[in-house]
Amino acid sequence: MAGRAGTALVIVTLSLIFAALFVVEDLHLVARPVTSRRILTQLGYTEITITGVHPLACASGEPFRTGFGARSPGGSLVRGTVCQGWFKGATVRLR
């Protein structure tokens, strides 16, 4: 009986670890390069280079965090992140 309880505990523990990893993966932070480039272009940015995901640049409700470098509408070279959520628009945050 003790062997079965140990096996069951291992299975439950591994299931919980797998579930936790699945949830984290499901809520992972991703970049949206095409959408971000479109938003930046509409705002007047040029020479846009997408640099990947910037995990700490946005609020917790903004899982889409696309880093970029570009020339601002005023002509300065800037770096920043386009932050997007599921049910909101986008915010451009400059570093």
N, C-alpha and C. Protein backbone atom coordinates (compact mmCIF):
# COMPACT_ATOMS: atom_id res chain seq x y z
N MET A 1 0.82 -1.19 0.00
CA MET A 1 0.00 0.00 0.00
C MET A 1 0.86 1.26 0.00
N ALA A 2 1.97 1.23 0.76
CA ALA A 2 2.84 2.39 0.84
C ALA A 2 3.47 2.68 -0.52
N GLY A 3 3.76 1.64 -1.28
CA GLY A 3 4.33 1.82 -2.62
C GLY A 3 3.36 2.52 -3.55
N ARG A 4 2.09 2.17 -3.43
CA ARG A 4 1.06 2.82 -4.27
C ARG A 4 0.89 4.28 -3.89
N ALA A 5 0.92 4.57 -2.60
CA ALA A 5 0.76 5.95 -2.15
C ALA A 5 1.94 6.80 -2.63
N GLY A 6 3.13 6.22 -2.58
CA GLY A 6 4.32 6.94 -3.07
C GLY A 6 4.24 7.20 -4.57
N THR A 7 3.80 6.20 -5.30
CA THR A 7 3.65 6.35 -6.75
C THR A 7 2.59 7.40 -7.08
N ALA A 8 1.49 7.35 -6.35
CA ALA A 8 0.43 8.33 -6.57
C ALA A 8 0.92 9.73 -6.26
N LEU A 9 1.70 9.88 -5.20
CA LEU A 9 2.25 11.19 -4.83
C LEU A 9 3.17 11.71 -5.92
N VAL A 10 3.99 10.86 -6.47
CA VAL A 10 4.89 11.25 -7.55
C VAL A 10 4.09 11.68 -8.77
N ILE A 11 3.07 10.92 -9.12
CA ILE A 11 2.24 11.25 -10.28
C ILE A 11 1.53 12.59 -10.06
N VAL A 12 0.98 12.79 -8.89
CA VAL A 12 0.29 14.05 -8.59
C VAL A 12 1.27 15.21 -8.64
N THR A 13 2.45 15.03 -8.05
CA THR A 13 3.46 16.09 -8.04
C THR A 13 3.89 16.44 -9.46
N LEU A 14 4.17 15.43 -10.26
CA LEU A 14 4.57 15.69 -11.65
C LEU A 14 3.44 16.34 -12.44
N SER A 15 2.21 15.94 -12.17
CA SER A 15 1.06 16.56 -12.85
C SER A 15 0.94 18.02 -12.49
N LEU A 16 1.15 18.34 -11.23
CA LEU A 16 1.08 19.74 -10.80
C LEU A 16 2.20 20.57 -11.42
N ILE A 17 3.39 20.00 -11.48
CA ILE A 17 4.50 20.72 -12.12
C ILE A 17 4.20 20.95 -13.59
N PHE A 18 3.71 19.92 -14.27
CA PHE A 18 3.36 20.06 -15.68
C PHE A 18 2.28 21.11 -15.88
N ALA A 19 1.26 21.08 -15.02
CA ALA A 19 0.17 22.06 -15.12
C ALA A 19 0.69 23.46 -14.90
N ALA A 20 1.57 23.64 -13.93
CA ALA A 20 2.14 24.96 -13.66
C ALA A 20 2.94 25.45 -14.85
N LEU A 21 3.73 24.58 -15.45
CA LEU A 21 4.50 24.97 -16.63
C LEU A 21 3.58 25.30 -17.79
N PHE A 22 2.50 24.56 -17.95
CA PHE A 22 1.55 24.83 -19.02
C PHE A 22 0.91 26.20 -18.83
N VAL A 23 0.52 26.52 -17.60
CA VAL A 23 -0.10 27.83 -17.32
C VAL A 23 0.89 28.94 -17.60
N VAL A 24 2.14 28.78 -17.15
CA VAL A 24 3.15 29.80 -17.40
C VAL A 24 3.36 29.95 -18.89
N GLU A 25 3.43 28.84 -19.61
CA GLU A 25 3.61 28.90 -21.05
C GLU A 25 2.41 29.54 -21.72
N ASP A 26 1.22 29.28 -21.22
CA ASP A 26 0.02 29.85 -21.80
C ASP A 26 -0.02 31.36 -21.61
N LEU A 27 0.55 31.84 -20.52
CA LEU A 27 0.56 33.27 -20.24
C LEU A 27 1.90 33.91 -20.61
N HIS A 28 2.67 33.19 -21.41
CA HIS A 28 4.01 33.68 -21.74
C HIS A 28 3.96 35.05 -22.41
N LEU A 29 5.06 35.71 -22.34
CA LEU A 29 5.18 37.03 -22.93
C LEU A 29 5.69 36.85 -24.35
N VAL A 30 5.01 37.44 -25.28
CA VAL A 30 5.40 37.27 -26.67
C VAL A 30 5.48 38.63 -27.36
N ALA A 31 6.19 38.64 -28.45
CA ALA A 31 6.28 39.83 -29.28
C ALA A 31 5.26 39.71 -30.41
N ARG A 32 4.77 40.83 -30.84
CA ARG A 32 3.89 40.90 -32.01
C ARG A 32 4.54 41.85 -33.01
N PRO A 33 5.54 41.37 -33.74
CA PRO A 33 6.32 42.27 -34.59
C PRO A 33 5.53 42.95 -35.69
N VAL A 34 4.63 42.23 -36.34
CA VAL A 34 3.88 42.83 -37.45
C VAL A 34 2.95 43.93 -36.94
N THR A 35 2.20 43.62 -35.90
CA THR A 35 1.28 44.60 -35.32
C THR A 35 2.05 45.80 -34.75
N SER A 36 3.15 45.52 -34.08
CA SER A 36 3.93 46.60 -33.48
C SER A 36 4.52 47.52 -34.54
N ARG A 37 5.01 46.94 -35.61
CA ARG A 37 5.57 47.76 -36.70
C ARG A 37 4.47 48.64 -37.31
N ARG A 38 3.28 48.08 -37.48
CA ARG A 38 2.16 48.85 -38.02
C ARG A 38 1.81 50.02 -37.10
N ILE A 39 1.75 49.76 -35.81
CA ILE A 39 1.42 50.80 -34.83
C ILE A 39 2.48 51.90 -34.86
N LEU A 40 3.74 51.51 -34.84
CA LEU A 40 4.82 52.49 -34.84
C LEU A 40 4.82 53.33 -36.12
N THR A 41 4.56 52.68 -37.25
CA THR A 41 4.49 53.40 -38.53
C THR A 41 3.34 54.40 -38.52
N GLN A 42 2.19 54.00 -37.99
CA GLN A 42 1.04 54.91 -37.91
C GLN A 42 1.33 56.10 -37.01
N LEU A 43 2.20 55.92 -36.03
CA LEU A 43 2.55 57.01 -35.12
C LEU A 43 3.68 57.88 -35.66
N GLY A 44 4.22 57.52 -36.82
CA GLY A 44 5.24 58.35 -37.45
C GLY A 44 6.67 57.91 -37.22
N TYR A 45 6.88 56.74 -36.63
CA TYR A 45 8.24 56.23 -36.45
C TYR A 45 8.73 55.65 -37.77
N THR A 46 10.03 55.76 -38.02
CA THR A 46 10.63 55.22 -39.23
C THR A 46 11.87 54.41 -38.84
N GLU A 47 12.48 53.76 -39.80
CA GLU A 47 13.69 52.96 -39.58
C GLU A 47 13.50 52.01 -38.39
N ILE A 48 12.38 51.33 -38.37
CA ILE A 48 12.00 50.48 -37.24
C ILE A 48 12.74 49.15 -37.30
N THR A 49 13.33 48.78 -36.17
CA THR A 49 13.97 47.48 -36.00
C THR A 49 13.32 46.80 -34.80
N ILE A 50 12.76 45.63 -35.01
CA ILE A 50 12.15 44.87 -33.91
C ILE A 50 13.28 44.12 -33.20
N THR A 51 13.34 44.24 -31.86
CA THR A 51 14.44 43.66 -31.10
C THR A 51 14.02 42.47 -30.24
N GLY A 52 12.75 42.08 -30.28
CA GLY A 52 12.31 40.92 -29.52
C GLY A 52 11.42 41.27 -28.34
N VAL A 53 11.30 40.33 -27.43
CA VAL A 53 10.43 40.49 -26.27
C VAL A 53 11.18 41.24 -25.17
N HIS A 54 10.53 42.20 -24.55
CA HIS A 54 11.07 42.91 -23.40
C HIS A 54 10.18 42.59 -22.20
N PRO A 55 10.50 41.56 -21.43
CA PRO A 55 9.59 41.03 -20.42
C PRO A 55 9.25 41.97 -19.27
N LEU A 56 10.11 42.91 -18.93
CA LEU A 56 9.85 43.75 -17.76
C LEU A 56 9.40 45.16 -18.12
N ALA A 57 9.11 45.41 -19.38
CA ALA A 57 8.85 46.78 -19.82
C ALA A 57 7.39 47.21 -19.69
N CYS A 58 6.47 46.29 -19.50
CA CYS A 58 5.05 46.63 -19.55
C CYS A 58 4.33 46.22 -18.27
N ALA A 59 3.09 46.65 -18.18
CA ALA A 59 2.25 46.31 -17.04
C ALA A 59 1.85 44.83 -17.10
N SER A 60 1.38 44.31 -16.00
CA SER A 60 1.05 42.88 -15.93
C SER A 60 -0.08 42.47 -16.86
N GLY A 61 -0.97 43.37 -17.21
CA GLY A 61 -2.07 43.04 -18.11
C GLY A 61 -1.73 43.19 -19.58
N GLU A 62 -0.45 43.33 -19.87
CA GLU A 62 0.00 43.51 -21.25
C GLU A 62 0.98 42.40 -21.62
N PRO A 63 0.47 41.26 -22.05
CA PRO A 63 1.36 40.12 -22.32
C PRO A 63 2.17 40.25 -23.62
N PHE A 64 1.79 41.16 -24.48
CA PHE A 64 2.51 41.32 -25.75
C PHE A 64 3.46 42.50 -25.60
N ARG A 65 4.76 42.21 -25.63
CA ARG A 65 5.78 43.21 -25.30
C ARG A 65 6.88 43.17 -26.35
N THR A 66 6.73 44.00 -27.36
CA THR A 66 7.64 43.98 -28.50
C THR A 66 8.65 45.12 -28.39
N GLY A 67 9.91 44.75 -28.25
CA GLY A 67 10.97 45.75 -28.20
C GLY A 67 11.29 46.26 -29.59
N PHE A 68 11.75 47.51 -29.65
CA PHE A 68 12.09 48.09 -30.95
C PHE A 68 13.14 49.19 -30.79
N GLY A 69 13.75 49.49 -31.90
CA GLY A 69 14.58 50.67 -32.06
C GLY A 69 14.05 51.38 -33.29
N ALA A 70 14.03 52.71 -33.28
CA ALA A 70 13.46 53.43 -34.43
C ALA A 70 13.88 54.88 -34.39
N ARG A 71 13.52 55.57 -35.46
CA ARG A 71 13.66 57.02 -35.50
C ARG A 71 12.28 57.60 -35.18
N SER A 72 12.23 58.44 -34.17
CA SER A 72 10.96 59.01 -33.72
C SER A 72 10.44 60.02 -34.73
N PRO A 73 9.16 60.42 -34.60
CA PRO A 73 8.62 61.44 -35.51
C PRO A 73 9.42 62.74 -35.45
N GLY A 74 10.08 63.00 -34.34
CA GLY A 74 10.90 64.21 -34.21
C GLY A 74 12.31 64.05 -34.74
N GLY A 75 12.66 62.84 -35.18
CA GLY A 75 13.96 62.61 -35.79
C GLY A 75 15.01 61.99 -34.87
N SER A 76 14.71 61.78 -33.61
CA SER A 76 15.67 61.19 -32.68
C SER A 76 15.66 59.67 -32.79
N LEU A 77 16.82 59.06 -32.54
CA LEU A 77 16.87 57.61 -32.45
C LEU A 77 16.39 57.22 -31.06
N VAL A 78 15.44 56.31 -30.99
CA VAL A 78 14.86 55.90 -29.71
C VAL A 78 14.82 54.38 -29.63
N ARG A 79 14.70 53.89 -28.40
CA ARG A 79 14.49 52.48 -28.13
C ARG A 79 13.30 52.39 -27.20
N GLY A 80 12.51 51.34 -27.35
CA GLY A 80 11.35 51.21 -26.50
C GLY A 80 10.65 49.89 -26.68
N THR A 81 9.42 49.87 -26.18
CA THR A 81 8.60 48.66 -26.22
C THR A 81 7.18 49.03 -26.58
N VAL A 82 6.57 48.27 -27.46
CA VAL A 82 5.14 48.40 -27.74
C VAL A 82 4.44 47.38 -26.84
N CYS A 83 3.64 47.88 -25.91
CA CYS A 83 2.92 47.02 -24.95
C CYS A 83 1.47 46.89 -25.41
N GLN A 84 1.00 45.64 -25.48
CA GLN A 84 -0.36 45.39 -25.92
C GLN A 84 -1.02 44.36 -25.02
N GLY A 85 -2.32 44.54 -24.79
CA GLY A 85 -3.09 43.60 -24.01
C GLY A 85 -4.15 42.94 -24.86
N TRP A 86 -4.85 42.00 -24.27
CA TRP A 86 -5.91 41.31 -25.00
C TRP A 86 -7.09 42.22 -25.29
N PHE A 87 -7.47 43.06 -24.33
CA PHE A 87 -8.68 43.86 -24.47
C PHE A 87 -8.41 45.35 -24.39
N LYS A 88 -7.25 45.76 -24.88
CA LYS A 88 -6.90 47.19 -24.87
C LYS A 88 -6.07 47.48 -26.09
N GLY A 89 -5.85 48.75 -26.31
CA GLY A 89 -5.01 49.15 -27.41
C GLY A 89 -3.54 48.93 -27.07
N ALA A 90 -2.69 49.70 -27.71
CA ALA A 90 -1.26 49.57 -27.50
C ALA A 90 -0.72 50.83 -26.83
N THR A 91 0.34 50.64 -26.07
CA THR A 91 1.07 51.75 -25.46
C THR A 91 2.52 51.64 -25.91
N VAL A 92 3.08 52.76 -26.33
CA VAL A 92 4.50 52.77 -26.70
C VAL A 92 5.25 53.37 -25.52
N ARG A 93 6.15 52.58 -24.97
CA ARG A 93 6.96 53.03 -23.83
C ARG A 93 8.41 53.17 -24.30
N LEU A 94 8.94 54.36 -24.13
CA LEU A 94 10.32 54.61 -24.52
C LEU A 94 11.23 54.42 -23.32
N ARG A 95 12.44 53.94 -23.59
CA ARG A 95 13.41 53.76 -22.51
C ARG A 95 14.11 55.05 -22.23
